[in-house]
Amino acid sequence: MKIYISKVLIKLTTTTPFSIQADYFIELESKLYEISTTDELMGIVDKSLNKIIEIKNNK
């Protein structure tokens, strides 16, 4: 699951309009390899989705 989420976060860094927040998604992607619980993984997913929604609403 971590690999799939990692690929999605990296894809967001090159996809308009999400690429404007590339640093944010890269930081979350780097945290994937430090986590050890499902709750931590879901925290990263939640943060990612919240940022995606924020960017889409500000378009």
C-alpha atoms as a PDB file:
ATOM      1  CA  MET A   1       0.000   0.000   0.000  1.00  0.00           C
ATOM      2  CA  LYS A   2       2.862   2.388   0.763  1.00  0.00           C
ATOM      3  CA  ILE A   3       4.254   1.952  -2.749  1.00  0.00           C
ATOM      4  CA  TYR A   4       0.884   2.738  -4.337  1.00  0.00           C
ATOM      5  CA  ILE A   5       0.417   5.860  -2.205  1.00  0.00           C
ATOM      6  CA  SER A   6       3.992   6.903  -2.952  1.00  0.00           C
ATOM      7  CA  LYS A   7       3.344   6.662  -6.703  1.00  0.00           C
ATOM      8  CA  VAL A   8       0.169   8.727  -6.366  1.00  0.00           C
ATOM      9  CA  LEU A   9       1.935  11.450  -4.375  1.00  0.00           C
ATOM     10  CA  ILE A  10       4.767  11.618  -6.906  1.00  0.00           C
ATOM     11  CA  LYS A  11       2.230  11.809  -9.760  1.00  0.00           C
ATOM     12  CA  LEU A  12       0.553  14.763  -8.039  1.00  0.00           C
ATOM     13  CA  THR A  13       3.842  16.698  -8.107  1.00  0.00           C
ATOM     14  CA  THR A  14       3.747  16.715 -11.913  1.00  0.00           C
ATOM     15  CA  THR A  15       0.012  17.137 -12.465  1.00  0.00           C
ATOM     16  CA  THR A  16      -1.561  20.555 -12.895  1.00  0.00           C
ATOM     17  CA  PRO A  17      -2.956  22.172 -10.726  1.00  0.00           C
ATOM     18  CA  PHE A  18      -1.469  20.083  -7.927  1.00  0.00           C
ATOM     19  CA  SER A  19       2.116  20.687  -9.015  1.00  0.00           C
ATOM     20  CA  ILE A  20       1.965  24.153  -7.414  1.00  0.00           C
ATOM     21  CA  GLN A  21       2.149  22.321  -4.072  1.00  0.00           C
ATOM     22  CA  ALA A  22       4.778  19.781  -5.191  1.00  0.00           C
ATOM     23  CA  ASP A  23       6.941  20.346  -2.102  1.00  0.00           C
ATOM     24  CA  TYR A  24       4.015  19.457   0.154  1.00  0.00           C
ATOM     25  CA  PHE A  25       3.368  16.163  -1.638  1.00  0.00           C
ATOM     26  CA  ILE A  26       7.085  15.297  -1.772  1.00  0.00           C
ATOM     27  CA  GLU A  27       7.332  15.852   1.986  1.00  0.00           C
ATOM     28  CA  LEU A  28       4.365  13.548   2.613  1.00  0.00           C
ATOM     29  CA  GLU A  29       5.852  10.931   0.290  1.00  0.00           C
ATOM     30  CA  SER A  30       9.131  10.975   2.214  1.00  0.00           C
ATOM     31  CA  LYS A  31       7.249  10.397   5.481  1.00  0.00           C
ATOM     32  CA  LEU A  32       5.747   7.174   4.109  1.00  0.00           C
ATOM     33  CA  TYR A  33       8.933   5.254   4.814  1.00  0.00           C
ATOM     34  CA  GLU A  34       9.079   6.406   8.443  1.00  0.00           C
ATOM     35  CA  ILE A  35       5.605   5.237   9.442  1.00  0.00           C
ATOM     36  CA  SER A  36       4.789   1.891  10.971  1.00  0.00           C
ATOM     37  CA  THR A  37       1.049   1.868  11.676  1.00  0.00           C
ATOM     38  CA  THR A  38      -2.140   1.995   9.659  1.00  0.00           C
ATOM     39  CA  ASP A  39      -3.229   5.104  11.569  1.00  0.00           C
ATOM     40  CA  GLU A  40      -0.087   6.945  10.472  1.00  0.00           C
ATOM     41  CA  LEU A  41      -0.671   5.832   6.883  1.00  0.00           C
ATOM     42  CA  MET A  42      -4.255   7.073   7.013  1.00  0.00           C
ATOM     43  CA  GLY A  43      -2.993  10.378   8.413  1.00  0.00           C
ATOM     44  CA  ILE A  44      -0.875  10.878   5.297  1.00  0.00           C
ATOM     45  CA  VAL A  45      -3.785   9.898   3.053  1.00  0.00           C
ATOM     46  CA  ASP A  46      -6.084  12.336   4.884  1.00  0.00           C
ATOM     47  CA  LYS A  47      -3.567  15.187   4.616  1.00  0.00           C
ATOM     48  CA  SER A  48      -3.133  14.484   0.911  1.00  0.00           C
ATOM     49  CA  LEU A  49      -6.853  14.432   0.231  1.00  0.00           C
ATOM     50  CA  ASN A  50      -7.415  17.613   2.231  1.00  0.00           C
ATOM     51  CA  LYS A  51      -4.718  19.402   0.201  1.00  0.00           C
ATOM     52  CA  ILE A  52      -6.202  18.113  -3.069  1.00  0.00           C
ATOM     53  CA  ILE A  53      -9.637  19.400  -2.069  1.00  0.00           C
ATOM     54  CA  GLU A  54      -8.152  22.741  -1.010  1.00  0.00           C
ATOM     55  CA  ILE A  55      -6.345  23.152  -4.341  1.00  0.00           C
ATOM     56  CA  LYS A  56      -9.421  22.160  -6.360  1.00  0.00           C
ATOM     57  CA  ASN A  57     -11.608  24.618  -4.427  1.00  0.00           C
ATOM     58  CA  ASN A  58      -9.134  27.464  -5.021  1.00  0.00           C
ATOM     59  CA  LYS A  59      -8.986  26.940  -8.804  1.00  0.00           C
END
